[in-house]
Amino acid sequence: MLSPSLKQADKWYQKNRRALKPYWGEWVAFTADGVIAHDRDYFVMLAQIDPAITEFIIDRVHEYDFVDPIRFY
């Protein structure tokens, strides 16, 4: 079960995932307040995270997250 702060971070992601387009191909760490770190290298991204922040979500942003499906009419 997710903690309340992680639930808020997940809600932020659902609402703002289109705003993550500039991070294609990168790992992103975020909280309910937004992106706190990002980089193509997972370990570089981890090193950017403030140690005082203990609850966050990490996800990889893929290009296909932003491609509209092909429609045949």
PDB file of N, CA and C in Angstrom:
ATOM      1  N   MET A   1       0.841  -1.182   0.000  1.00  0.00           N
ATOM      2  CA  MET A   1       0.000   0.000   0.000  1.00  0.00           C
ATOM      3  C   MET A   1       0.884   1.243   0.000  1.00  0.00           C
ATOM      4  N   LEU A   2       0.507   2.207  -0.810  1.00  0.00           N
ATOM      5  CA  LEU A   2       1.279   3.444  -0.907  1.00  0.00           C
ATOM      6  C   LEU A   2       1.002   4.362   0.275  1.00  0.00           C
ATOM      7  N   SER A   3       2.051   5.060   0.700  1.00  0.00           N
ATOM      8  CA  SER A   3       1.879   6.059   1.749  1.00  0.00           C
ATOM      9  C   SER A   3       1.133   7.255   1.157  1.00  0.00           C
ATOM     10  N   PRO A   4       0.571   8.110   1.992  1.00  0.00           N
ATOM     11  CA  PRO A   4      -0.152   9.287   1.473  1.00  0.00           C
ATOM     12  C   PRO A   4       0.713  10.174   0.571  1.00  0.00           C
ATOM     13  N   SER A   5       1.992  10.354   0.909  1.00  0.00           N
ATOM     14  CA  SER A   5       2.843  11.213   0.073  1.00  0.00           C
ATOM     15  C   SER A   5       3.112  10.573  -1.291  1.00  0.00           C
ATOM     16  N   LEU A   6       3.230   9.250  -1.329  1.00  0.00           N
ATOM     17  CA  LEU A   6       3.420   8.583  -2.622  1.00  0.00           C
ATOM     18  C   LEU A   6       2.135   8.592  -3.438  1.00  0.00           C
ATOM     19  N   LYS A   7       0.989   8.519  -2.792  1.00  0.00           N
ATOM     20  CA  LYS A   7      -0.286   8.641  -3.509  1.00  0.00           C
ATOM     21  C   LYS A   7      -0.401  10.016  -4.149  1.00  0.00           C
ATOM     22  N   GLN A   8       0.035  11.050  -3.418  1.00  0.00           N
ATOM     23  CA  GLN A   8       0.003  12.408  -3.968  1.00  0.00           C
ATOM     24  C   GLN A   8       0.963  12.531  -5.150  1.00  0.00           C
ATOM     25  N   ALA A   9       2.129  11.904  -5.037  1.00  0.00           N
ATOM     26  CA  ALA A   9       3.088  11.929  -6.145  1.00  0.00           C
ATOM     27  C   ALA A   9       2.513  11.225  -7.369  1.00  0.00           C
ATOM     28  N   ASP A  10       1.819  10.124  -7.152  1.00  0.00           N
ATOM     29  CA  ASP A  10       1.194   9.409  -8.263  1.00  0.00           C
ATOM     30  C   ASP A  10       0.107  10.263  -8.913  1.00  0.00           C
ATOM     31  N   LYS A  11      -0.659  10.974  -8.117  1.00  0.00           N
ATOM     32  CA  LYS A  11      -1.683  11.882  -8.662  1.00  0.00           C
ATOM     33  C   LYS A  11      -1.021  12.985  -9.484  1.00  0.00           C
ATOM     34  N   TRP A  12       0.111  13.511  -8.986  1.00  0.00           N
ATOM     35  CA  TRP A  12       0.830  14.544  -9.741  1.00  0.00           C
ATOM     36  C   TRP A  12       1.240  13.981 -11.096  1.00  0.00           C
ATOM     37  N   TYR A  13       1.768  12.764 -11.106  1.00  0.00           N
ATOM     38  CA  TYR A  13       2.199  12.134 -12.350  1.00  0.00           C
ATOM     39  C   TYR A  13       1.036  11.977 -13.321  1.00  0.00           C
ATOM     40  N   GLN A  14      -0.088  11.474 -12.854  1.00  0.00           N
ATOM     41  CA  GLN A  14      -1.254  11.276 -13.723  1.00  0.00           C
ATOM     42  C   GLN A  14      -1.713  12.601 -14.330  1.00  0.00           C
ATOM     43  N   LYS A  15      -1.651  13.661 -13.551  1.00  0.00           N
ATOM     44  CA  LYS A  15      -2.100  14.971 -14.019  1.00  0.00           C
ATOM     45  C   LYS A  15      -1.074  15.638 -14.943  1.00  0.00           C
ATOM     46  N   ASN A  16       0.208  15.386 -14.725  1.00  0.00           N
ATOM     47  CA  ASN A  16       1.264  16.133 -15.418  1.00  0.00           C
ATOM     48  C   ASN A  16       2.162  15.304 -16.323  1.00  0.00           C
ATOM     49  N   ARG A  17       1.804  14.064 -16.607  1.00  0.00           N
ATOM     50  CA  ARG A  17       2.734  13.223 -17.357  1.00  0.00           C
ATOM     51  C   ARG A  17       3.050  13.762 -18.745  1.00  0.00           C
ATOM     52  N   ARG A  18       2.141  14.496 -19.361  1.00  0.00           N
ATOM     53  CA  ARG A  18       2.447  15.095 -20.674  1.00  0.00           C
ATOM     54  C   ARG A  18       3.558  16.139 -20.555  1.00  0.00           C
ATOM     55  N   ALA A  19       3.695  16.739 -19.383  1.00  0.00           N
ATOM     56  CA  ALA A  19       4.750  17.739 -19.160  1.00  0.00           C
ATOM     57  C   ALA A  19       6.134  17.092 -19.070  1.00  0.00           C
ATOM     58  N   LEU A  20       6.191  15.773 -19.007  1.00  0.00           N
ATOM     59  CA  LEU A  20       7.469  15.071 -18.922  1.00  0.00           C
ATOM     60  C   LEU A  20       8.093  14.826 -20.294  1.00  0.00           C
ATOM     61  N   LYS A  21       7.455  15.287 -21.345  1.00  0.00           N
ATOM     62  CA  LYS A  21       7.958  15.075 -22.705  1.00  0.00           C
ATOM     63  C   LYS A  21       9.412  15.525 -22.897  1.00  0.00           C
ATOM     64  N   PRO A  22       9.842  16.636 -22.292  1.00  0.00           N
ATOM     65  CA  PRO A  22      11.255  17.033 -22.462  1.00  0.00           C
ATOM     66  C   PRO A  22      12.257  16.029 -21.882  1.00  0.00           C
ATOM     67  N   TYR A  23      11.783  15.095 -21.086  1.00  0.00           N
ATOM     68  CA  TYR A  23      12.650  14.114 -20.441  1.00  0.00           C
ATOM     69  C   TYR A  23      12.672  12.764 -21.162  1.00  0.00           C
ATOM     70  N   TRP A  24      12.302  12.726 -22.431  1.00  0.00           N
ATOM     71  CA  TRP A  24      12.322  11.477 -23.200  1.00  0.00           C
ATOM     72  C   TRP A  24      13.640  10.754 -22.997  1.00  0.00           C
ATOM     73  N   GLY A  25      13.572   9.468 -22.752  1.00  0.00           N
ATOM     74  CA  GLY A  25      14.771   8.658 -22.627  1.00  0.00           C
ATOM     75  C   GLY A  25      15.501   8.824 -21.309  1.00  0.00           C
ATOM     76  N   GLU A  26      14.912   9.541 -20.376  1.00  0.00           N
ATOM     77  CA  GLU A  26      15.568   9.781 -19.097  1.00  0.00           C
ATOM     78  C   GLU A  26      14.816   9.122 -17.956  1.00  0.00           C
ATOM     79  N   TRP A  27      15.539   8.911 -16.879  1.00  0.00           N
ATOM     80  CA  TRP A  27      14.934   8.526 -15.617  1.00  0.00           C
ATOM     81  C   TRP A  27      14.512   9.806 -14.918  1.00  0.00           C
ATOM     82  N   VAL A  28      13.351   9.803 -14.306  1.00  0.00           N
ATOM     83  CA  VAL A  28      12.892  10.958 -13.541  1.00  0.00           C
ATOM     84  C   VAL A  28      12.475  10.496 -12.142  1.00  0.00           C
ATOM     85  N   ALA A  29      12.795  11.315 -11.169  1.00  0.00           N
ATOM     86  CA  ALA A  29      12.329  11.102  -9.796  1.00  0.00           C
ATOM     87  C   ALA A  29      11.412  12.282  -9.498  1.00  0.00           C
ATOM     88  N   PHE A  30      10.262  11.994  -8.893  1.00  0.00           N
ATOM     89  CA  PHE A  30       9.328  13.079  -8.611  1.00  0.00           C
ATOM     90  C   PHE A  30       8.564  12.833  -7.325  1.00  0.00           C
ATOM     91  N   THR A  31       8.072  13.933  -6.790  1.00  0.00           N
ATOM     92  CA  THR A  31       7.207  13.925  -5.617  1.00  0.00           C
ATOM     93  C   THR A  31       5.905  14.587  -6.031  1.00  0.00           C
ATOM     94  N   ALA A  32       5.054  14.863  -5.073  1.00  0.00           N
ATOM     95  CA  ALA A  32       3.808  15.568  -5.370  1.00  0.00           C
ATOM     96  C   ALA A  32       4.073  16.999  -5.824  1.00  0.00           C
ATOM     97  N   ASP A  33       5.277  17.495  -5.574  1.00  0.00           N
ATOM     98  CA  ASP A  33       5.637  18.859  -5.973  1.00  0.00           C
ATOM     99  C   ASP A  33       6.267  18.925  -7.357  1.00  0.00           C
ATOM    100  N   GLY A  34       6.535  17.776  -7.973  1.00  0.00           N
ATOM    101  CA  GLY A  34       7.100  17.757  -9.313  1.00  0.00           C
ATOM    102  C   GLY A  34       8.412  17.000  -9.389  1.00  0.00           C
ATOM    103  N   VAL A  35       9.107  17.198 -10.505  1.00  0.00           N
ATOM    104  CA  VAL A  35      10.363  16.498 -10.774  1.00  0.00           C
ATOM    105  C   VAL A  35      11.444  17.013  -9.834  1.00  0.00           C
ATOM    106  N   ILE A  36      12.149  16.089  -9.189  1.00  0.00           N
ATOM    107  CA  ILE A  36      13.236  16.481  -8.282  1.00  0.00           C
ATOM    108  C   ILE A  36      14.607  16.102  -8.844  1.00  0.00           C
ATOM    109  N   ALA A  37      14.632  15.211  -9.845  1.00  0.00           N
ATOM    110  CA  ALA A  37      15.895  14.816 -10.472  1.00  0.00           C
ATOM    111  C   ALA A  37      15.595  14.118 -11.793  1.00  0.00           C
ATOM    112  N   HIS A  38      16.530  14.226 -12.732  1.00  0.00           N
ATOM    113  CA  HIS A  38      16.378  13.521 -14.014  1.00  0.00           C
ATOM    114  C   HIS A  38      17.729  13.386 -14.697  1.00  0.00           C
ATOM    115  N   ASP A  39      17.904  12.296 -15.418  1.00  0.00           N
ATOM    116  CA  ASP A  39      19.109  12.084 -16.213  1.00  0.00           C
ATOM    117  C   ASP A  39      18.929  10.790 -17.007  1.00  0.00           C
ATOM    118  N   ARG A  40      19.687  10.645 -18.076  1.00  0.00           N
ATOM    119  CA  ARG A  40      19.646   9.403 -18.855  1.00  0.00           C
ATOM    120  C   ARG A  40      20.288   8.253 -18.065  1.00  0.00           C
ATOM    121  N   ASP A  41      21.248   8.585 -17.236  1.00  0.00           N
ATOM    122  CA  ASP A  41      21.935   7.581 -16.418  1.00  0.00           C
ATOM    123  C   ASP A  41      21.228   7.480 -15.067  1.00  0.00           C
ATOM    124  N   TYR A  42      20.771   6.300 -14.742  1.00  0.00           N
ATOM    125  CA  TYR A  42      20.008   6.077 -13.508  1.00  0.00           C
ATOM    126  C   TYR A  42      20.787   6.518 -12.262  1.00  0.00           C
ATOM    127  N   PHE A  43      22.071   6.169 -12.209  1.00  0.00           N
ATOM    128  CA  PHE A  43      22.860   6.474 -11.021  1.00  0.00           C
ATOM    129  C   PHE A  43      23.180   7.960 -10.898  1.00  0.00           C
ATOM    130  N   VAL A  44      23.337   8.636 -12.010  1.00  0.00           N
ATOM    131  CA  VAL A  44      23.521  10.094 -11.986  1.00  0.00           C
ATOM    132  C   VAL A  44      22.250  10.750 -11.460  1.00  0.00           C
ATOM    133  N   MET A  45      21.094  10.271 -11.925  1.00  0.00           N
ATOM    134  CA  MET A  45      19.818  10.802 -11.450  1.00  0.00           C
ATOM    135  C   MET A  45      19.681  10.581  -9.949  1.00  0.00           C
ATOM    136  N   LEU A  46      20.020   9.382  -9.480  1.00  0.00           N
ATOM    137  CA  LEU A  46      19.939   9.100  -8.035  1.00  0.00           C
ATOM    138  C   LEU A  46      20.807  10.061  -7.223  1.00  0.00           C
ATOM    139  N   ALA A  47      21.992  10.349  -7.725  1.00  0.00           N
ATOM    140  CA  ALA A  47      22.912  11.242  -7.015  1.00  0.00           C
ATOM    141  C   ALA A  47      22.378  12.665  -6.910  1.00  0.00           C
ATOM    142  N   GLN A  48      21.462  13.041  -7.794  1.00  0.00           N
ATOM    143  CA  GLN A  48      20.894  14.396  -7.779  1.00  0.00           C
ATOM    144  C   GLN A  48      19.827  14.585  -6.701  1.00  0.00           C
ATOM    145  N   ILE A  49      19.313  13.492  -6.163  1.00  0.00           N
ATOM    146  CA  ILE A  49      18.204  13.581  -5.213  1.00  0.00           C
ATOM    147  C   ILE A  49      18.704  14.022  -3.842  1.00  0.00           C
ATOM    148  N   ASP A  50      18.052  15.029  -3.309  1.00  0.00           N
ATOM    149  CA  ASP A  50      18.367  15.536  -1.973  1.00  0.00           C
ATOM    150  C   ASP A  50      18.131  14.421  -0.952  1.00  0.00           C
ATOM    151  N   PRO A  51      19.139  14.090  -0.145  1.00  0.00           N
ATOM    152  CA  PRO A  51      18.969  13.014   0.843  1.00  0.00           C
ATOM    153  C   PRO A  51      17.849  13.277   1.855  1.00  0.00           C
ATOM    154  N   ALA A  52      17.454  14.526   2.011  1.00  0.00           N
ATOM    155  CA  ALA A  52      16.376  14.853   2.944  1.00  0.00           C
ATOM    156  C   ALA A  52      15.015  14.394   2.416  1.00  0.00           C
ATOM    157  N   ILE A  53      14.921  14.163   1.114  1.00  0.00           N
ATOM    158  CA  ILE A  53      13.668  13.691   0.520  1.00  0.00           C
ATOM    159  C   ILE A  53      13.684  12.161   0.571  1.00  0.00           C
ATOM    160  N   THR A  54      12.781  11.608   1.358  1.00  0.00           N
ATOM    161  CA  THR A  54      12.805  10.163   1.575  1.00  0.00           C
ATOM    162  C   THR A  54      11.733   9.404   0.800  1.00  0.00           C
ATOM    163  N   GLU A  55      10.701  10.100   0.334  1.00  0.00           N
ATOM    164  CA  GLU A  55       9.643   9.419  -0.414  1.00  0.00           C
ATOM    165  C   GLU A  55       9.469  10.089  -1.767  1.00  0.00           C
ATOM    166  N   PHE A  56       9.700   9.314  -2.806  1.00  0.00           N
ATOM    167  CA  PHE A  56       9.575   9.803  -4.176  1.00  0.00           C
ATOM    168  C   PHE A  56       9.349   8.602  -5.072  1.00  0.00           C
ATOM    169  N   ILE A  57       8.962   8.864  -6.291  1.00  0.00           N
ATOM    170  CA  ILE A  57       8.738   7.819  -7.282  1.00  0.00           C
ATOM    171  C   ILE A  57       9.753   8.014  -8.403  1.00  0.00           C
ATOM    172  N   ILE A  58      10.274   6.907  -8.910  1.00  0.00           N
ATOM    173  CA  ILE A  58      11.198   6.930 -10.046  1.00  0.00           C
ATOM    174  C   ILE A  58      10.536   6.220 -11.206  1.00  0.00           C
ATOM    175  N   ASP A  59      10.639   6.832 -12.377  1.00  0.00           N
ATOM    176  CA  ASP A  59      10.089   6.221 -13.583  1.00  0.00           C
ATOM    177  C   ASP A  59      10.973   6.602 -14.763  1.00  0.00           C
ATOM    178  N   ARG A  60      10.899   5.827 -15.801  1.00  0.00           N
ATOM    179  CA  ARG A  60      11.625   6.137 -17.040  1.00  0.00           C
ATOM    180  C   ARG A  60      10.613   6.685 -18.037  1.00  0.00           C
ATOM    181  N   VAL A  61      10.963   7.781 -18.687  1.00  0.00           N
ATOM    182  CA  VAL A  61      10.086   8.406 -19.662  1.00  0.00           C
ATOM    183  C   VAL A  61      10.434   7.856 -21.035  1.00  0.00           C
ATOM    184  N   HIS A  62       9.460   7.222 -21.666  1.00  0.00           N
ATOM    185  CA  HIS A  62       9.661   6.624 -22.980  1.00  0.00           C
ATOM    186  C   HIS A  62       8.996   7.472 -24.057  1.00  0.00           C
ATOM    187  N   GLU A  63       9.599   7.487 -25.226  1.00  0.00           N
ATOM    188  CA  GLU A  63       9.056   8.262 -26.339  1.00  0.00           C
ATOM    189  C   GLU A  63       7.651   7.797 -26.690  1.00  0.00           C
ATOM    190  N   TYR A  64       7.408   6.498 -26.621  1.00  0.00           N
ATOM    191  CA  TYR A  64       6.101   5.982 -27.016  1.00  0.00           C
ATOM    192  C   TYR A  64       4.984   6.437 -26.063  1.00  0.00           C
ATOM    193  N   ASP A  65       5.346   7.004 -24.925  1.00  0.00           N
ATOM    194  CA  ASP A  65       4.329   7.556 -24.025  1.00  0.00           C
ATOM    195  C   ASP A  65       3.626   8.768 -24.652  1.00  0.00           C
ATOM    196  N   PHE A  66       4.265   9.357 -25.679  1.00  0.00           N
ATOM    197  CA  PHE A  66       3.748  10.584 -26.257  1.00  0.00           C
ATOM    198  C   PHE A  66       3.321  10.452 -27.719  1.00  0.00           C
ATOM    199  N   VAL A  67       3.341   9.244 -28.238  1.00  0.00           N
ATOM    200  CA  VAL A  67       2.971   9.016 -29.629  1.00  0.00           C
ATOM    201  C   VAL A  67       1.497   8.619 -29.682  1.00  0.00           C
ATOM    202  N   ASP A  68       0.765   9.323 -30.496  1.00  0.00           N
ATOM    203  CA  ASP A  68      -0.654   8.985 -30.660  1.00  0.00           C
ATOM    204  C   ASP A  68      -0.779   7.696 -31.448  1.00  0.00           C
ATOM    205  N   PRO A  69      -1.735   6.875 -31.100  1.00  0.00           N
ATOM    206  CA  PRO A  69      -1.894   5.610 -31.827  1.00  0.00           C
ATOM    207  C   PRO A  69      -2.321   5.855 -33.267  1.00  0.00           C
ATOM    208  N   ILE A  70      -1.938   4.948 -34.137  1.00  0.00           N
ATOM    209  CA  ILE A  70      -2.339   5.034 -35.544  1.00  0.00           C
ATOM    210  C   ILE A  70      -3.809   4.688 -35.651  1.00  0.00           C
ATOM    211  N   ARG A  71      -4.518   5.481 -36.418  1.00  0.00           N
ATOM    212  CA  ARG A  71      -5.941   5.220 -36.624  1.00  0.00           C
ATOM    213  C   ARG A  71      -6.203   4.978 -38.102  1.00  0.00           C
ATOM    214  N   PHE A  72      -6.875   3.922 -38.389  1.00  0.00           N
ATOM    215  CA  PHE A  72      -7.243   3.605 -39.763  1.00  0.00           C
ATOM    216  C   PHE A  72      -8.719   3.910 -39.926  1.00  0.00           C
ATOM    217  N   TYR A  73      -8.991   4.786 -40.859  1.00  0.00           N
ATOM    218  CA  TYR A  73     -10.384   5.181 -41.082  1.00  0.00           C
ATOM    219  C   TYR A  73     -10.959   4.518 -42.285  1.00  0.00           C
TER     220      TYR A  73
END
